[in-house]
Amino acid sequence: MAFPRFPIGIAAGMLAALSLSGCSSLGDSLMDTIAGKVQLSCPPQNILADASRRLTYQPGPGRDLIDIDNEITINRVSLICDSDVDRRTHAGTMKVSVTTHMEAVRGPANQDRKTAIEFFVSVTDRANKVLYREAFTINLTFGENESRREIASAPVPLVLPIQAGQTGKNFRILVGLVINREQLEMNRRDRRPRL
C-alpha cells in the first residue's frame, strides 16, 4: 500500500509504544458539512518507548557524564489531518501532517556544537503491520553558549487511503529516533535523561 508524499530520507524502525494524545483537523466542520465533505478524526499516534531517547557518547570506551556528546528526547508528536472522503462511497483519502517535537542537549564532550538527529515516521494498520516507514535527518548546530534547545521537525506529509467503512482509527502513526544497539539497550534499562 503506497503512501504518496515528498521523497525524503531512508527506511528505519523500532518496537514497543508509549501513547501520546493530540490531534487537530483542518477546516471548519460546519463548512465541511455544507460542502458535503466527510471529515474524519486523526489516526492514533504513538512515540515508540524504546526509541524515544538517543544518548550519544564520544568515540572510545568512556561512558561517564563527561563522555556524553549529546542527548535527544522526543517530547510529543502533533498531527494535522484533512480527509477527502466521498459521502456516497465512503472511500477517499486522508492527508496527515506529522510534526515531531524534540529536546536536544549538548554534552560535555561535544566540542563542535553540531549533531545530526535521525528520526523516523511509520504508519501501521490495526494488526500492527507496517504500511510505511521513512527516516529523516535534522542537522543541528548549537549556539555559542547554548547547551539545550527545543526543536520541531519539518512537517512530514502523508496520504492515507481510506476504504469504505474505514476511519482514521484504522491506522496508527508511530514516531521514534534512529538508534543503535547500545542506545536501545540503555533505553530499555533506564529512560531517564542523563543531562
C-alpha atoms as a PDB file:
ATOM      1  CA  MET A   1       0.000   0.000   0.000  1.00  0.00           C
ATOM      2  CA  ALA A   2       1.569   3.284  -1.081  1.00  0.00           C
ATOM      3  CA  PHE A   3       1.604   6.492   0.917  1.00  0.00           C
ATOM      4  CA  PRO A   4       2.331   9.329  -1.543  1.00  0.00           C
ATOM      5  CA  ARG A   5       4.466  12.107  -0.045  1.00  0.00           C
ATOM      6  CA  PHE A   6       7.552  14.159  -0.746  1.00  0.00           C
ATOM      7  CA  PRO A   7      10.553  11.864  -1.401  1.00  0.00           C
ATOM      8  CA  ILE A   8      12.981  12.272   1.501  1.00  0.00           C
ATOM      9  CA  GLY A   9      15.114  10.008   3.678  1.00  0.00           C
ATOM     10  CA  ILE A  10      15.767   6.323   4.218  1.00  0.00           C
ATOM     11  CA  ALA A  11      13.932   3.437   5.872  1.00  0.00           C
ATOM     12  CA  ALA A  12      14.255   2.722   9.606  1.00  0.00           C
ATOM     13  CA  GLY A  13      12.278   1.300  12.546  1.00  0.00           C
ATOM     14  CA  MET A  14      11.914   0.089  16.157  1.00  0.00           C
ATOM     15  CA  LEU A  15       9.499  -1.571  18.663  1.00  0.00           C
ATOM     16  CA  ALA A  16       7.262  -1.037  21.770  1.00  0.00           C
ATOM     17  CA  ALA A  17       4.992   2.003  22.077  1.00  0.00           C
ATOM     18  CA  LEU A  18       4.194   4.751  24.556  1.00  0.00           C
ATOM     19  CA  SER A  19       0.896   6.513  23.784  1.00  0.00           C
ATOM     20  CA  LEU A  20       0.519  10.239  23.426  1.00  0.00           C
ATOM     21  CA  SER A  21      -2.612  12.205  22.657  1.00  0.00           C
ATOM     22  CA  GLY A  22      -3.319  15.188  20.465  1.00  0.00           C
ATOM     23  CA  CYS A  23      -4.901  15.677  17.080  1.00  0.00           C
ATOM     24  CA  SER A  24      -6.342  18.604  15.181  1.00  0.00           C
ATOM     25  CA  SER A  25      -8.366  18.851  11.984  1.00  0.00           C
ATOM     26  CA  LEU A  26      -8.164  21.363   9.159  1.00  0.00           C
ATOM     27  CA  GLY A  27     -11.174  23.387   8.152  1.00  0.00           C
ATOM     28  CA  ASP A  28     -14.437  24.473   9.680  1.00  0.00           C
ATOM     29  CA  SER A  29     -16.612  21.425  10.452  1.00  0.00           C
ATOM     30  CA  LEU A  30     -19.786  23.369   9.631  1.00  0.00           C
ATOM     31  CA  MET A  31     -18.446  24.309   6.213  1.00  0.00           C
ATOM     32  CA  ASP A  32     -17.356  20.700   5.666  1.00  0.00           C
ATOM     33  CA  THR A  33     -20.940  19.588   6.314  1.00  0.00           C
ATOM     34  CA  ILE A  34     -22.396  22.200   3.965  1.00  0.00           C
ATOM     35  CA  ALA A  35     -19.916  21.219   1.279  1.00  0.00           C
ATOM     36  CA  GLY A  36     -20.927  17.567   1.659  1.00  0.00           C
ATOM     37  CA  LYS A  37     -17.458  16.660   2.903  1.00  0.00           C
ATOM     38  CA  VAL A  38     -16.842  13.899   5.421  1.00  0.00           C
ATOM     39  CA  GLN A  39     -14.182  14.942   7.945  1.00  0.00           C
ATOM     40  CA  LEU A  40     -12.592  12.009   9.797  1.00  0.00           C
ATOM     41  CA  SER A  41     -10.624  12.205  13.025  1.00  0.00           C
ATOM     42  CA  CYS A  42      -6.839  11.790  13.007  1.00  0.00           C
ATOM     43  CA  PRO A  43      -5.264   8.357  13.497  1.00  0.00           C
ATOM     44  CA  PRO A  44      -3.949   7.494  16.975  1.00  0.00           C
ATOM     45  CA  GLN A  45      -0.319   8.492  17.448  1.00  0.00           C
ATOM     46  CA  ASN A  46       2.494   6.972  19.493  1.00  0.00           C
ATOM     47  CA  ILE A  47       6.107   7.601  20.413  1.00  0.00           C
ATOM     48  CA  LEU A  48       7.970   4.294  20.472  1.00  0.00           C
ATOM     49  CA  ALA A  49       9.262   3.981  24.025  1.00  0.00           C
ATOM     50  CA  ASP A  50      12.433   2.088  23.096  1.00  0.00           C
ATOM     51  CA  ALA A  51      13.277   4.794  20.548  1.00  0.00           C
ATOM     52  CA  SER A  52      12.160   7.878  22.475  1.00  0.00           C
ATOM     53  CA  ARG A  53      15.699   8.870  23.550  1.00  0.00           C
ATOM     54  CA  ARG A  54      19.141   8.837  21.966  1.00  0.00           C
ATOM     55  CA  LEU A  55      22.185   9.179  24.220  1.00  0.00           C
ATOM     56  CA  THR A  56      25.404   9.539  22.200  1.00  0.00           C
ATOM     57  CA  TYR A  57      28.903   9.211  23.662  1.00  0.00           C
ATOM     58  CA  GLN A  58      32.115  10.424  22.063  1.00  0.00           C
ATOM     59  CA  PRO A  59      34.152   7.702  20.315  1.00  0.00           C
ATOM     60  CA  GLY A  60      36.059   5.474  22.726  1.00  0.00           C
ATOM     61  CA  PRO A  61      35.301   3.309  25.770  1.00  0.00           C
ATOM     62  CA  GLY A  62      34.331   6.139  28.162  1.00  0.00           C
ATOM     63  CA  ARG A  63      30.726   6.066  29.414  1.00  0.00           C
ATOM     64  CA  ASP A  64      30.825   8.739  32.107  1.00  0.00           C
ATOM     65  CA  LEU A  65      28.961  12.051  32.100  1.00  0.00           C
ATOM     66  CA  ILE A  66      31.987  13.850  30.630  1.00  0.00           C
ATOM     67  CA  ASP A  67      31.960  11.422  27.667  1.00  0.00           C
ATOM     68  CA  ILE A  68      28.424  12.363  26.520  1.00  0.00           C
ATOM     69  CA  ASP A  69      28.307  14.151  23.168  1.00  0.00           C
ATOM     70  CA  ASN A  70      24.550  14.795  23.054  1.00  0.00           C
ATOM     71  CA  GLU A  71      21.177  13.590  24.250  1.00  0.00           C
ATOM     72  CA  ILE A  72      17.991  13.791  22.173  1.00  0.00           C
ATOM     73  CA  THR A  73      14.490  13.144  23.539  1.00  0.00           C
ATOM     74  CA  ILE A  74      11.151  13.127  21.703  1.00  0.00           C
ATOM     75  CA  ASN A  75       8.650  15.064  23.806  1.00  0.00           C
ATOM     76  CA  ARG A  76       5.495  14.903  21.705  1.00  0.00           C
ATOM     77  CA  VAL A  77       4.027  14.486  18.242  1.00  0.00           C
ATOM     78  CA  SER A  78       1.382  16.721  16.673  1.00  0.00           C
ATOM     79  CA  LEU A  79      -0.869  15.838  13.748  1.00  0.00           C
ATOM     80  CA  ILE A  80      -2.950  17.957  11.382  1.00  0.00           C
ATOM     81  CA  CYS A  81      -5.448  15.922   9.367  1.00  0.00           C
ATOM     82  CA  ASP A  82      -7.759  16.668   6.451  1.00  0.00           C
ATOM     83  CA  SER A  83      -9.889  13.966   4.864  1.00  0.00           C
ATOM     84  CA  ASP A  84     -11.359  13.822   1.378  1.00  0.00           C
ATOM     85  CA  VAL A  85     -13.966  11.062   1.593  1.00  0.00           C
ATOM     86  CA  ASP A  86     -16.895  10.666  -0.783  1.00  0.00           C
ATOM     87  CA  ARG A  87     -20.189  10.863   1.141  1.00  0.00           C
ATOM     88  CA  ARG A  88     -21.752   8.227  -1.155  1.00  0.00           C
ATOM     89  CA  THR A  89     -18.971   5.610  -1.413  1.00  0.00           C
ATOM     90  CA  HIS A  90     -17.312   6.396   1.959  1.00  0.00           C
ATOM     91  CA  ALA A  91     -13.923   5.985   0.267  1.00  0.00           C
ATOM     92  CA  GLY A  92     -11.184   8.527  -0.365  1.00  0.00           C
ATOM     93  CA  THR A  93      -8.010   9.750   1.282  1.00  0.00           C
ATOM     94  CA  MET A  94      -6.773  11.436   4.433  1.00  0.00           C
ATOM     95  CA  LYS A  95      -3.873  13.874   4.379  1.00  0.00           C
ATOM     96  CA  VAL A  96      -1.854  13.798   7.589  1.00  0.00           C
ATOM     97  CA  SER A  97       0.914  16.218   8.522  1.00  0.00           C
ATOM     98  CA  VAL A  98       3.208  14.818  11.256  1.00  0.00           C
ATOM     99  CA  THR A  99       5.442  17.117  13.318  1.00  0.00           C
ATOM    100  CA  THR A 100       7.872  15.657  15.855  1.00  0.00           C
ATOM    101  CA  HIS A 101       8.850  17.836  18.838  1.00  0.00           C
ATOM    102  CA  MET A 102      12.196  17.091  20.497  1.00  0.00           C
ATOM    103  CA  GLU A 103      14.674  18.399  23.052  1.00  0.00           C
ATOM    104  CA  ALA A 104      18.370  18.387  22.176  1.00  0.00           C
ATOM    105  CA  VAL A 105      21.035  18.706  24.894  1.00  0.00           C
ATOM    106  CA  ARG A 106      24.701  19.318  24.165  1.00  0.00           C
ATOM    107  CA  GLY A 107      27.016  17.158  26.291  1.00  0.00           C
ATOM    108  CA  PRO A 108      30.457  17.979  27.780  1.00  0.00           C
ATOM    109  CA  ALA A 109      32.221  16.021  25.004  1.00  0.00           C
ATOM    110  CA  ASN A 110      30.555  17.971  22.186  1.00  0.00           C
ATOM    111  CA  GLN A 111      33.220  20.452  21.057  1.00  0.00           C
ATOM    112  CA  ASP A 112      31.989  21.421  17.563  1.00  0.00           C
ATOM    113  CA  ARG A 113      28.412  22.192  18.785  1.00  0.00           C
ATOM    114  CA  LYS A 114      26.962  20.002  15.997  1.00  0.00           C
ATOM    115  CA  THR A 115      24.839  16.870  15.897  1.00  0.00           C
ATOM    116  CA  ALA A 116      22.697  15.050  13.339  1.00  0.00           C
ATOM    117  CA  ILE A 117      19.314  13.911  14.618  1.00  0.00           C
ATOM    118  CA  GLU A 118      17.754  10.968  12.782  1.00  0.00           C
ATOM    119  CA  PHE A 119      14.119  10.161  13.460  1.00  0.00           C
ATOM    120  CA  PHE A 120      11.505   8.093  11.670  1.00  0.00           C
ATOM    121  CA  VAL A 121       7.789   8.217  10.970  1.00  0.00           C
ATOM    122  CA  SER A 122       5.876   4.984  10.458  1.00  0.00           C
ATOM    123  CA  VAL A 123       2.278   4.026   9.698  1.00  0.00           C
ATOM    124  CA  THR A 124       0.740   0.706  10.755  1.00  0.00           C
ATOM    125  CA  ASP A 125      -2.684  -0.859  10.419  1.00  0.00           C
ATOM    126  CA  ARG A 126      -4.774  -2.221  13.287  1.00  0.00           C
ATOM    127  CA  ALA A 127      -2.835  -5.502  13.204  1.00  0.00           C
ATOM    128  CA  ASN A 128       0.433  -3.535  13.636  1.00  0.00           C
ATOM    129  CA  LYS A 129       1.540  -4.339  10.094  1.00  0.00           C
ATOM    130  CA  VAL A 130       3.948  -1.643   8.912  1.00  0.00           C
ATOM    131  CA  LEU A 131       2.498   0.079   5.836  1.00  0.00           C
ATOM    132  CA  TYR A 132       5.040   2.897   5.589  1.00  0.00           C
ATOM    133  CA  ARG A 133       8.299   3.840   7.278  1.00  0.00           C
ATOM    134  CA  GLU A 134      10.814   6.542   6.449  1.00  0.00           C
ATOM    135  CA  ALA A 135      13.682   8.238   8.284  1.00  0.00           C
ATOM    136  CA  PHE A 136      14.635  11.915   8.246  1.00  0.00           C
ATOM    137  CA  THR A 137      17.671  13.894   9.404  1.00  0.00           C
ATOM    138  CA  ILE A 138      17.886  17.249  11.160  1.00  0.00           C
ATOM    139  CA  ASN A 139      21.388  18.780  11.178  1.00  0.00           C
ATOM    140  CA  LEU A 140      21.600  20.850  14.345  1.00  0.00           C
ATOM    141  CA  THR A 141      24.235  23.391  15.377  1.00  0.00           C
ATOM    142  CA  PHE A 142      24.073  24.692  18.946  1.00  0.00           C
ATOM    143  CA  GLY A 143      24.743  28.387  19.553  1.00  0.00           C
ATOM    144  CA  GLU A 144      27.995  29.609  21.116  1.00  0.00           C
ATOM    145  CA  ASN A 145      26.752  29.368  24.713  1.00  0.00           C
ATOM    146  CA  GLU A 146      23.754  27.134  24.061  1.00  0.00           C
ATOM    147  CA  SER A 147      23.513  23.743  25.731  1.00  0.00           C
ATOM    148  CA  ARG A 148      19.806  22.928  25.319  1.00  0.00           C
ATOM    149  CA  ARG A 149      17.260  23.516  22.579  1.00  0.00           C
ATOM    150  CA  GLU A 150      13.631  22.657  21.836  1.00  0.00           C
ATOM    151  CA  ILE A 151      13.217  21.768  18.167  1.00  0.00           C
ATOM    152  CA  ALA A 152      10.380  20.717  15.877  1.00  0.00           C
ATOM    153  CA  SER A 153      10.796  18.748  12.679  1.00  0.00           C
ATOM    154  CA  ALA A 154       9.510  19.968   9.379  1.00  0.00           C
ATOM    155  CA  PRO A 155       6.000  18.525   8.915  1.00  0.00           C
ATOM    156  CA  VAL A 156       6.070  15.099   7.261  1.00  0.00           C
ATOM    157  CA  PRO A 157       3.131  14.848   4.810  1.00  0.00           C
ATOM    158  CA  LEU A 158       1.351  11.509   4.402  1.00  0.00           C
ATOM    159  CA  VAL A 159      -1.670  10.453   2.345  1.00  0.00           C
ATOM    160  CA  LEU A 160      -3.654   7.543   3.828  1.00  0.00           C
ATOM    161  CA  PRO A 161      -6.045   5.614   1.568  1.00  0.00           C
ATOM    162  CA  ILE A 162      -9.492   5.368   3.167  1.00  0.00           C
ATOM    163  CA  GLN A 163     -11.708   2.490   2.068  1.00  0.00           C
ATOM    164  CA  ALA A 164     -15.431   2.160   2.720  1.00  0.00           C
ATOM    165  CA  GLY A 165     -16.016   1.523   6.420  1.00  0.00           C
ATOM    166  CA  GLN A 166     -12.601   2.796   7.477  1.00  0.00           C
ATOM    167  CA  THR A 167     -11.727   5.819   9.634  1.00  0.00           C
ATOM    168  CA  GLY A 168      -8.500   7.293  10.940  1.00  0.00           C
ATOM    169  CA  LYS A 169      -8.614   4.659  13.680  1.00  0.00           C
ATOM    170  CA  ASN A 170      -7.734   2.009  11.094  1.00  0.00           C
ATOM    171  CA  PHE A 171      -4.184   3.413  11.126  1.00  0.00           C
ATOM    172  CA  ARG A 172      -1.593   4.357  13.714  1.00  0.00           C
ATOM    173  CA  ILE A 173       1.223   6.903  13.402  1.00  0.00           C
ATOM    174  CA  LEU A 174       4.468   5.845  15.112  1.00  0.00           C
ATOM    175  CA  VAL A 175       7.491   8.091  15.665  1.00  0.00           C
ATOM    176  CA  GLY A 176      10.936   7.354  17.122  1.00  0.00           C
ATOM    177  CA  LEU A 177      14.639   8.144  16.945  1.00  0.00           C
ATOM    178  CA  VAL A 178      17.009   6.078  14.823  1.00  0.00           C
ATOM    179  CA  ILE A 179      19.357   4.486  17.393  1.00  0.00           C
ATOM    180  CA  ASN A 180      21.990   1.756  17.539  1.00  0.00           C
ATOM    181  CA  ARG A 181      22.001  -1.447  19.612  1.00  0.00           C
ATOM    182  CA  GLU A 182      23.876   0.103  22.561  1.00  0.00           C
ATOM    183  CA  GLN A 183      21.459   3.043  22.705  1.00  0.00           C
ATOM    184  CA  LEU A 184      18.492   0.661  22.544  1.00  0.00           C
ATOM    185  CA  GLU A 185      19.815  -1.365  25.496  1.00  0.00           C
ATOM    186  CA  MET A 186      20.427   1.828  27.501  1.00  0.00           C
ATOM    187  CA  ASN A 187      16.849   2.939  26.849  1.00  0.00           C
ATOM    188  CA  ARG A 188      15.481  -0.392  27.972  1.00  0.00           C
ATOM    189  CA  ARG A 189      17.488  -0.230  31.198  1.00  0.00           C
ATOM    190  CA  ASP A 190      16.764   3.410  32.017  1.00  0.00           C
ATOM    191  CA  ARG A 191      14.906   6.110  30.077  1.00  0.00           C
ATOM    192  CA  ARG A 192      15.704   8.933  32.498  1.00  0.00           C
ATOM    193  CA  PRO A 193      17.695  11.809  30.964  1.00  0.00           C
ATOM    194  CA  ARG A 194      21.422  11.869  31.774  1.00  0.00           C
ATOM    195  CA  LEU A 195      21.974  15.568  31.022  1.00  0.00           C
END
